[in-house]
Amino acid sequence: MRRVLVIIAVAIGLAACAARPTAQHALLDGRLTVRLPQDYVSSAPAAETFILRGARAALATRRPKPRIPSGRSAAYLLGKDDIRAQIHFDLVALIATDGAQGWARGETALQVARGASEQEIHEALCKAFSERWGGLRYTFASFDAKRGIGRCVNIIGTFTALFSRRIGDTLVIADAKDFVEVMILEQEGPPKALFDLNEEERWELFQAAANAEAAERALRSARLR
């Protein structure tokens, strides 16, 4: 029954997503084009970062109403920009090598084993990503083989999520987060011990906070010049 309800909820979400107007954006000096929901706007001067405002309105419609925390989360939610969610894009060149792998946000290349598959490239990215957040034990990773989209979500400390899609010899990366959903997740917590959750349960728990709908839609639409 629970699985049926999840499937129904996903179908409803996909229908809403399909009906949501989108706009095409050229970024990173025109090298990359993506489609995002129309209510995402460029966060100048960083044209590769897009934000969604409306945190207060999103909180007002939630029941039970979440408690507004102090600190950095509150600054995002209650500040003048009223930021609800954001997405940051990077292009990373894939370099075939027999040596060590490594990557950090802002770097322009990822070293991968020669002949690596899309999933193996995702695993190399996620391994490098996780090393900044305490190791793979604290990173939830999955790969959508049908769409070629990888997901890496840090599940402790500062919540952060990374999505990737290979296009030729380039990896298109979307670093995404929904601040409202992160705050709600932190307050409500998982339905059971975090490390007892299976992969499906983890993704169901984290995908809203990871802003997965917008990030994965953008990656599916991504085109390189």
C-alpha atoms as a PDB file:
ATOM      1  CA  MET A   1       0.000   0.000   0.000  1.00  0.00           C
ATOM      2  CA  ARG A   2       2.794   2.408   0.946  1.00  0.00           C
ATOM      3  CA  ARG A   3       4.544   1.723  -2.372  1.00  0.00           C
ATOM      4  CA  VAL A   4       1.280   2.402  -4.275  1.00  0.00           C
ATOM      5  CA  LEU A   5       0.844   5.722  -2.474  1.00  0.00           C
ATOM      6  CA  VAL A   6       4.428   6.688  -3.284  1.00  0.00           C
ATOM      7  CA  ILE A   7       3.868   5.867  -6.970  1.00  0.00           C
ATOM      8  CA  ILE A   8       0.698   7.944  -7.022  1.00  0.00           C
ATOM      9  CA  ALA A   9       2.461  10.871  -5.340  1.00  0.00           C
ATOM     10  CA  VAL A  10       5.308  10.695  -7.855  1.00  0.00           C
ATOM     11  CA  ALA A  11       2.848  10.608 -10.764  1.00  0.00           C
ATOM     12  CA  ILE A  12       1.045  13.670  -9.419  1.00  0.00           C
ATOM     13  CA  GLY A  13       4.358  15.447  -8.941  1.00  0.00           C
ATOM     14  CA  LEU A  14       5.448  14.645 -12.509  1.00  0.00           C
ATOM     15  CA  ALA A  15       2.164  15.923 -13.891  1.00  0.00           C
ATOM     16  CA  ALA A  16       2.556  19.183 -11.963  1.00  0.00           C
ATOM     17  CA  CYS A  17       6.158  19.432 -13.149  1.00  0.00           C
ATOM     18  CA  ALA A  18       5.134  18.967 -16.789  1.00  0.00           C
ATOM     19  CA  ALA A  19       2.575  21.757 -16.520  1.00  0.00           C
ATOM     20  CA  ARG A  20       4.946  24.202 -14.820  1.00  0.00           C
ATOM     21  CA  PRO A  21       6.178  26.876 -17.276  1.00  0.00           C
ATOM     22  CA  THR A  22       9.908  26.874 -17.910  1.00  0.00           C
ATOM     23  CA  ALA A  23      12.447  29.252 -19.423  1.00  0.00           C
ATOM     24  CA  GLN A  24      15.703  28.530 -21.218  1.00  0.00           C
ATOM     25  CA  HIS A  25      18.924  30.070 -19.915  1.00  0.00           C
ATOM     26  CA  ALA A  26      22.365  30.352 -21.494  1.00  0.00           C
ATOM     27  CA  LEU A  27      25.137  30.434 -18.904  1.00  0.00           C
ATOM     28  CA  LEU A  28      28.859  29.926 -18.383  1.00  0.00           C
ATOM     29  CA  ASP A  29      29.670  32.244 -21.300  1.00  0.00           C
ATOM     30  CA  GLY A  30      27.024  30.583 -23.435  1.00  0.00           C
ATOM     31  CA  ARG A  31      28.651  27.150 -23.236  1.00  0.00           C
ATOM     32  CA  LEU A  32      25.662  25.621 -21.444  1.00  0.00           C
ATOM     33  CA  THR A  33      21.909  26.004 -21.907  1.00  0.00           C
ATOM     34  CA  VAL A  34      19.356  24.623 -19.438  1.00  0.00           C
ATOM     35  CA  ARG A  35      15.649  24.959 -18.799  1.00  0.00           C
ATOM     36  CA  LEU A  36      14.410  25.949 -15.348  1.00  0.00           C
ATOM     37  CA  PRO A  37      10.984  26.824 -13.937  1.00  0.00           C
ATOM     38  CA  GLN A  38      10.184  30.432 -14.846  1.00  0.00           C
ATOM     39  CA  ASP A  39      10.235  31.592 -11.228  1.00  0.00           C
ATOM     40  CA  TYR A  40      13.982  30.863 -10.968  1.00  0.00           C
ATOM     41  CA  VAL A  41      16.060  33.974 -11.574  1.00  0.00           C
ATOM     42  CA  SER A  42      19.775  34.505 -12.077  1.00  0.00           C
ATOM     43  CA  SER A  43      21.644  35.504  -8.930  1.00  0.00           C
ATOM     44  CA  ALA A  44      23.884  38.286 -10.246  1.00  0.00           C
ATOM     45  CA  PRO A  45      26.804  38.637 -10.556  1.00  0.00           C
ATOM     46  CA  ALA A  46      27.152  34.823 -10.637  1.00  0.00           C
ATOM     47  CA  ALA A  47      25.161  33.999 -13.757  1.00  0.00           C
ATOM     48  CA  GLU A  48      25.639  30.280 -13.140  1.00  0.00           C
ATOM     49  CA  THR A  49      23.590  30.442  -9.928  1.00  0.00           C
ATOM     50  CA  PHE A  50      19.785  30.651  -9.945  1.00  0.00           C
ATOM     51  CA  ILE A  51      17.510  31.283  -6.993  1.00  0.00           C
ATOM     52  CA  LEU A  52      13.848  30.758  -6.211  1.00  0.00           C
ATOM     53  CA  ARG A  53      12.281  33.270  -3.827  1.00  0.00           C
ATOM     54  CA  GLY A  54       9.175  32.755  -1.712  1.00  0.00           C
ATOM     55  CA  ALA A  55      10.453  31.104   1.464  1.00  0.00           C
ATOM     56  CA  ARG A  56       7.917  32.926   3.653  1.00  0.00           C
ATOM     57  CA  ALA A  57       5.003  31.938   1.421  1.00  0.00           C
ATOM     58  CA  ALA A  58       6.163  28.303   1.341  1.00  0.00           C
ATOM     59  CA  LEU A  59       6.417  28.200   5.117  1.00  0.00           C
ATOM     60  CA  ALA A  60       3.000  29.808   5.559  1.00  0.00           C
ATOM     61  CA  THR A  61       1.274  26.998   3.653  1.00  0.00           C
ATOM     62  CA  ARG A  62       2.895  24.129   5.566  1.00  0.00           C
ATOM     63  CA  ARG A  63       0.947  22.350   8.278  1.00  0.00           C
ATOM     64  CA  PRO A  64       2.022  21.995  10.985  1.00  0.00           C
ATOM     65  CA  LYS A  65       3.833  25.288  10.608  1.00  0.00           C
ATOM     66  CA  PRO A  66       7.607  24.826  10.974  1.00  0.00           C
ATOM     67  CA  ARG A  67       9.542  26.643  13.646  1.00  0.00           C
ATOM     68  CA  ILE A  68      11.869  29.318  12.211  1.00  0.00           C
ATOM     69  CA  PRO A  69      15.391  28.563  13.473  1.00  0.00           C
ATOM     70  CA  SER A  70      18.057  31.067  14.360  1.00  0.00           C
ATOM     71  CA  GLY A  71      21.366  31.373  12.565  1.00  0.00           C
ATOM     72  CA  ARG A  72      22.194  30.942   8.906  1.00  0.00           C
ATOM     73  CA  SER A  73      18.954  29.181   7.906  1.00  0.00           C
ATOM     74  CA  ALA A  74      16.915  32.038   9.304  1.00  0.00           C
ATOM     75  CA  ALA A  75      19.080  34.546   7.460  1.00  0.00           C
ATOM     76  CA  TYR A  76      18.200  32.860   4.179  1.00  0.00           C
ATOM     77  CA  LEU A  77      14.524  32.479   4.984  1.00  0.00           C
ATOM     78  CA  LEU A  78      13.870  35.828   6.639  1.00  0.00           C
ATOM     79  CA  GLY A  79      16.435  38.017   4.914  1.00  0.00           C
ATOM     80  CA  LYS A  80      15.557  40.586   2.277  1.00  0.00           C
ATOM     81  CA  ASP A  81      16.062  38.090  -0.578  1.00  0.00           C
ATOM     82  CA  ASP A  82      13.535  35.585   0.847  1.00  0.00           C
ATOM     83  CA  ILE A  83      15.412  32.717  -0.852  1.00  0.00           C
ATOM     84  CA  ARG A  84      13.591  29.403  -0.868  1.00  0.00           C
ATOM     85  CA  ALA A  85      15.866  27.360  -3.136  1.00  0.00           C
ATOM     86  CA  GLN A  86      18.893  27.638  -5.377  1.00  0.00           C
ATOM     87  CA  ILE A  87      20.823  25.798  -8.091  1.00  0.00           C
ATOM     88  CA  HIS A  88      24.441  26.366  -9.107  1.00  0.00           C
ATOM     89  CA  PHE A  89      25.886  24.965 -12.357  1.00  0.00           C
ATOM     90  CA  ASP A  90      29.427  23.892 -13.235  1.00  0.00           C
ATOM     91  CA  LEU A  91      31.076  22.293 -16.240  1.00  0.00           C
ATOM     92  CA  VAL A  92      33.834  19.812 -15.474  1.00  0.00           C
ATOM     93  CA  ALA A  93      36.089  18.246 -18.093  1.00  0.00           C
ATOM     94  CA  LEU A  94      36.591  14.490 -17.869  1.00  0.00           C
ATOM     95  CA  ILE A  95      40.240  13.450 -18.106  1.00  0.00           C
ATOM     96  CA  ALA A  96      41.111   9.795 -18.663  1.00  0.00           C
ATOM     97  CA  THR A  97      43.956   8.739 -16.416  1.00  0.00           C
ATOM     98  CA  ASP A  98      45.534   5.789 -14.693  1.00  0.00           C
ATOM     99  CA  GLY A  99      46.321   7.919 -11.648  1.00  0.00           C
ATOM    100  CA  ALA A 100      44.410   9.297  -8.679  1.00  0.00           C
ATOM    101  CA  GLN A 101      40.931  10.737  -8.879  1.00  0.00           C
ATOM    102  CA  GLY A 102      39.870  14.002  -7.323  1.00  0.00           C
ATOM    103  CA  TRP A 103      37.555  16.956  -7.620  1.00  0.00           C
ATOM    104  CA  ALA A 104      36.230  19.893  -5.593  1.00  0.00           C
ATOM    105  CA  ARG A 105      33.633  22.512  -6.434  1.00  0.00           C
ATOM    106  CA  GLY A 106      35.129  25.129  -8.705  1.00  0.00           C
ATOM    107  CA  GLU A 107      37.721  22.795 -10.213  1.00  0.00           C
ATOM    108  CA  THR A 108      37.458  22.405 -13.962  1.00  0.00           C
ATOM    109  CA  ALA A 109      38.447  18.756 -14.352  1.00  0.00           C
ATOM    110  CA  LEU A 110      37.742  15.323 -12.897  1.00  0.00           C
ATOM    111  CA  GLN A 111      40.215  12.509 -13.402  1.00  0.00           C
ATOM    112  CA  VAL A 112      38.520   9.184 -14.159  1.00  0.00           C
ATOM    113  CA  ALA A 113      39.726   5.748 -15.172  1.00  0.00           C
ATOM    114  CA  ARG A 114      40.082   5.172 -18.901  1.00  0.00           C
ATOM    115  CA  GLY A 115      36.899   3.755 -20.407  1.00  0.00           C
ATOM    116  CA  ALA A 116      34.860   4.502 -17.276  1.00  0.00           C
ATOM    117  CA  SER A 117      31.092   4.113 -17.641  1.00  0.00           C
ATOM    118  CA  GLU A 118      28.660   6.906 -16.762  1.00  0.00           C
ATOM    119  CA  GLN A 119      27.920   5.213 -13.442  1.00  0.00           C
ATOM    120  CA  GLU A 120      31.629   4.804 -12.671  1.00  0.00           C
ATOM    121  CA  ILE A 121      32.168   8.502 -13.455  1.00  0.00           C
ATOM    122  CA  HIS A 122      29.333   9.346 -11.074  1.00  0.00           C
ATOM    123  CA  GLU A 123      30.912   7.170  -8.392  1.00  0.00           C
ATOM    124  CA  ALA A 124      34.285   8.898  -8.863  1.00  0.00           C
ATOM    125  CA  LEU A 125      32.629  12.327  -8.532  1.00  0.00           C
ATOM    126  CA  CYS A 126      30.647  11.257  -5.491  1.00  0.00           C
ATOM    127  CA  LYS A 127      33.722   9.778  -3.814  1.00  0.00           C
ATOM    128  CA  ALA A 128      35.640  13.045  -4.272  1.00  0.00           C
ATOM    129  CA  PHE A 129      32.586  15.030  -3.143  1.00  0.00           C
ATOM    130  CA  SER A 130      32.072  12.871  -0.041  1.00  0.00           C
ATOM    131  CA  GLU A 131      35.676  13.244   1.113  1.00  0.00           C
ATOM    132  CA  ARG A 132      34.867  16.834   2.093  1.00  0.00           C
ATOM    133  CA  TRP A 133      31.943  15.687   4.242  1.00  0.00           C
ATOM    134  CA  GLY A 134      33.264  12.819   6.327  1.00  0.00           C
ATOM    135  CA  GLY A 135      33.437  10.027   3.751  1.00  0.00           C
ATOM    136  CA  LEU A 136      30.994   7.827   1.859  1.00  0.00           C
ATOM    137  CA  ARG A 137      29.276   6.690   5.063  1.00  0.00           C
ATOM    138  CA  TYR A 138      27.695  10.139   5.305  1.00  0.00           C
ATOM    139  CA  THR A 139      26.837  10.518   1.620  1.00  0.00           C
ATOM    140  CA  PHE A 140      23.735   9.079   0.017  1.00  0.00           C
ATOM    141  CA  ALA A 141      24.408   8.291  -3.644  1.00  0.00           C
ATOM    142  CA  SER A 142      22.285   6.860  -6.437  1.00  0.00           C
ATOM    143  CA  PHE A 143      22.445   6.723 -10.226  1.00  0.00           C
ATOM    144  CA  ASP A 144      19.477   6.923 -12.609  1.00  0.00           C
ATOM    145  CA  ALA A 145      20.737   4.753 -15.464  1.00  0.00           C
ATOM    146  CA  LYS A 146      17.738   5.524 -17.675  1.00  0.00           C
ATOM    147  CA  ARG A 147      18.432   9.277 -17.649  1.00  0.00           C
ATOM    148  CA  GLY A 148      22.164   9.120 -16.984  1.00  0.00           C
ATOM    149  CA  ILE A 149      21.841  11.355 -13.922  1.00  0.00           C
ATOM    150  CA  GLY A 150      23.895  10.815 -10.774  1.00  0.00           C
ATOM    151  CA  ARG A 151      22.914  12.040  -7.316  1.00  0.00           C
ATOM    152  CA  CYS A 152      25.148  12.687  -4.310  1.00  0.00           C
ATOM    153  CA  VAL A 153      23.599  13.971  -1.088  1.00  0.00           C
ATOM    154  CA  ASN A 154      25.529  14.798   2.065  1.00  0.00           C
ATOM    155  CA  ILE A 155      23.335  13.712   4.973  1.00  0.00           C
ATOM    156  CA  ILE A 156      25.106  15.202   7.994  1.00  0.00           C
ATOM    157  CA  GLY A 157      26.277  18.683   8.920  1.00  0.00           C
ATOM    158  CA  THR A 158      25.685  21.213   6.152  1.00  0.00           C
ATOM    159  CA  PHE A 159      23.129  19.590   3.859  1.00  0.00           C
ATOM    160  CA  THR A 160      24.264  19.762   0.245  1.00  0.00           C
ATOM    161  CA  ALA A 161      23.318  17.853  -2.897  1.00  0.00           C
ATOM    162  CA  LEU A 162      25.125  17.352  -6.172  1.00  0.00           C
ATOM    163  CA  PHE A 163      23.582  16.128  -9.434  1.00  0.00           C
ATOM    164  CA  SER A 164      25.546  15.274 -12.570  1.00  0.00           C
ATOM    165  CA  ARG A 165      25.068  14.235 -16.187  1.00  0.00           C
ATOM    166  CA  ARG A 166      27.755  13.340 -18.705  1.00  0.00           C
ATOM    167  CA  ILE A 167      27.633  14.962 -22.144  1.00  0.00           C
ATOM    168  CA  GLY A 168      30.543  13.775 -24.249  1.00  0.00           C
ATOM    169  CA  ASP A 169      33.780  14.509 -22.419  1.00  0.00           C
ATOM    170  CA  THR A 170      32.112  16.993 -20.056  1.00  0.00           C
ATOM    171  CA  LEU A 171      30.240  16.547 -16.802  1.00  0.00           C
ATOM    172  CA  VAL A 172      27.392  18.998 -16.231  1.00  0.00           C
ATOM    173  CA  ILE A 173      26.946  19.500 -12.489  1.00  0.00           C
ATOM    174  CA  ALA A 174      24.034  21.034 -10.596  1.00  0.00           C
ATOM    175  CA  ASP A 175      24.601  21.872  -6.927  1.00  0.00           C
ATOM    176  CA  ALA A 176      21.089  22.260  -5.509  1.00  0.00           C
ATOM    177  CA  LYS A 177      19.185  22.826  -2.284  1.00  0.00           C
ATOM    178  CA  ASP A 178      15.717  23.807  -1.076  1.00  0.00           C
ATOM    179  CA  PHE A 179      16.315  25.733   2.168  1.00  0.00           C
ATOM    180  CA  VAL A 180      12.710  25.416   3.352  1.00  0.00           C
ATOM    181  CA  GLU A 181      12.665  21.651   2.867  1.00  0.00           C
ATOM    182  CA  VAL A 182      16.071  21.310   4.538  1.00  0.00           C
ATOM    183  CA  MET A 183      14.781  23.170   7.568  1.00  0.00           C
ATOM    184  CA  ILE A 184      11.657  21.001   7.743  1.00  0.00           C
ATOM    185  CA  LEU A 185      13.714  17.834   7.343  1.00  0.00           C
ATOM    186  CA  GLU A 186      16.000  18.919  10.182  1.00  0.00           C
ATOM    187  CA  GLN A 187      12.994  19.509  12.442  1.00  0.00           C
ATOM    188  CA  GLU A 188      11.016  16.384  11.567  1.00  0.00           C
ATOM    189  CA  GLY A 189      13.923  13.979  11.174  1.00  0.00           C
ATOM    190  CA  PRO A 190      13.833  10.586   9.417  1.00  0.00           C
ATOM    191  CA  PRO A 191      11.045   8.065  10.140  1.00  0.00           C
ATOM    192  CA  LYS A 192      13.623   5.687  11.643  1.00  0.00           C
ATOM    193  CA  ALA A 193      17.368   5.545  12.300  1.00  0.00           C
ATOM    194  CA  LEU A 194      19.066   7.162   9.325  1.00  0.00           C
ATOM    195  CA  PHE A 195      21.493   4.353   8.626  1.00  0.00           C
ATOM    196  CA  ASP A 196      18.667   1.796   8.756  1.00  0.00           C
ATOM    197  CA  LEU A 197      16.975   3.372   5.711  1.00  0.00           C
ATOM    198  CA  ASN A 198      17.344   1.558   2.402  1.00  0.00           C
ATOM    199  CA  GLU A 199      18.211   3.426  -0.829  1.00  0.00           C
ATOM    200  CA  GLU A 200      14.596   3.980  -1.864  1.00  0.00           C
ATOM    201  CA  GLU A 201      13.658   5.293   1.574  1.00  0.00           C
ATOM    202  CA  ARG A 202      16.662   7.628   1.676  1.00  0.00           C
ATOM    203  CA  TRP A 203      15.887   9.126  -1.706  1.00  0.00           C
ATOM    204  CA  GLU A 204      12.228   9.557  -0.758  1.00  0.00           C
ATOM    205  CA  LEU A 205      13.372  11.367   2.398  1.00  0.00           C
ATOM    206  CA  PHE A 206      15.996  13.641   0.814  1.00  0.00           C
ATOM    207  CA  GLN A 207      14.782  14.497  -2.673  1.00  0.00           C
ATOM    208  CA  ALA A 208      12.674  17.532  -1.703  1.00  0.00           C
ATOM    209  CA  ALA A 209      15.487  19.062   0.367  1.00  0.00           C
ATOM    210  CA  ALA A 210      17.890  18.358  -2.508  1.00  0.00           C
ATOM    211  CA  ASN A 211      15.637  20.331  -4.879  1.00  0.00           C
ATOM    212  CA  ALA A 212      15.766  17.290  -7.113  1.00  0.00           C
ATOM    213  CA  GLU A 213      12.812  18.118  -9.368  1.00  0.00           C
ATOM    214  CA  ALA A 214      14.311  21.378 -10.651  1.00  0.00           C
ATOM    215  CA  ALA A 215      17.901  20.091 -10.728  1.00  0.00           C
ATOM    216  CA  GLU A 216      17.140  16.921 -12.655  1.00  0.00           C
ATOM    217  CA  ARG A 217      14.853  18.723 -15.100  1.00  0.00           C
ATOM    218  CA  ALA A 218      17.657  21.193 -15.791  1.00  0.00           C
ATOM    219  CA  LEU A 219      20.151  18.374 -16.388  1.00  0.00           C
ATOM    220  CA  ARG A 220      17.783  16.533 -18.713  1.00  0.00           C
ATOM    221  CA  SER A 221      17.443  19.709 -20.781  1.00  0.00           C
ATOM    222  CA  ALA A 222      21.161  20.564 -20.713  1.00  0.00           C
ATOM    223  CA  ARG A 223      22.876  21.280 -24.026  1.00  0.00           C
ATOM    224  CA  LEU A 224      26.523  22.190 -24.631  1.00  0.00           C
ATOM    225  CA  ARG A 225      27.855  24.494 -27.306  1.00  0.00           C
END
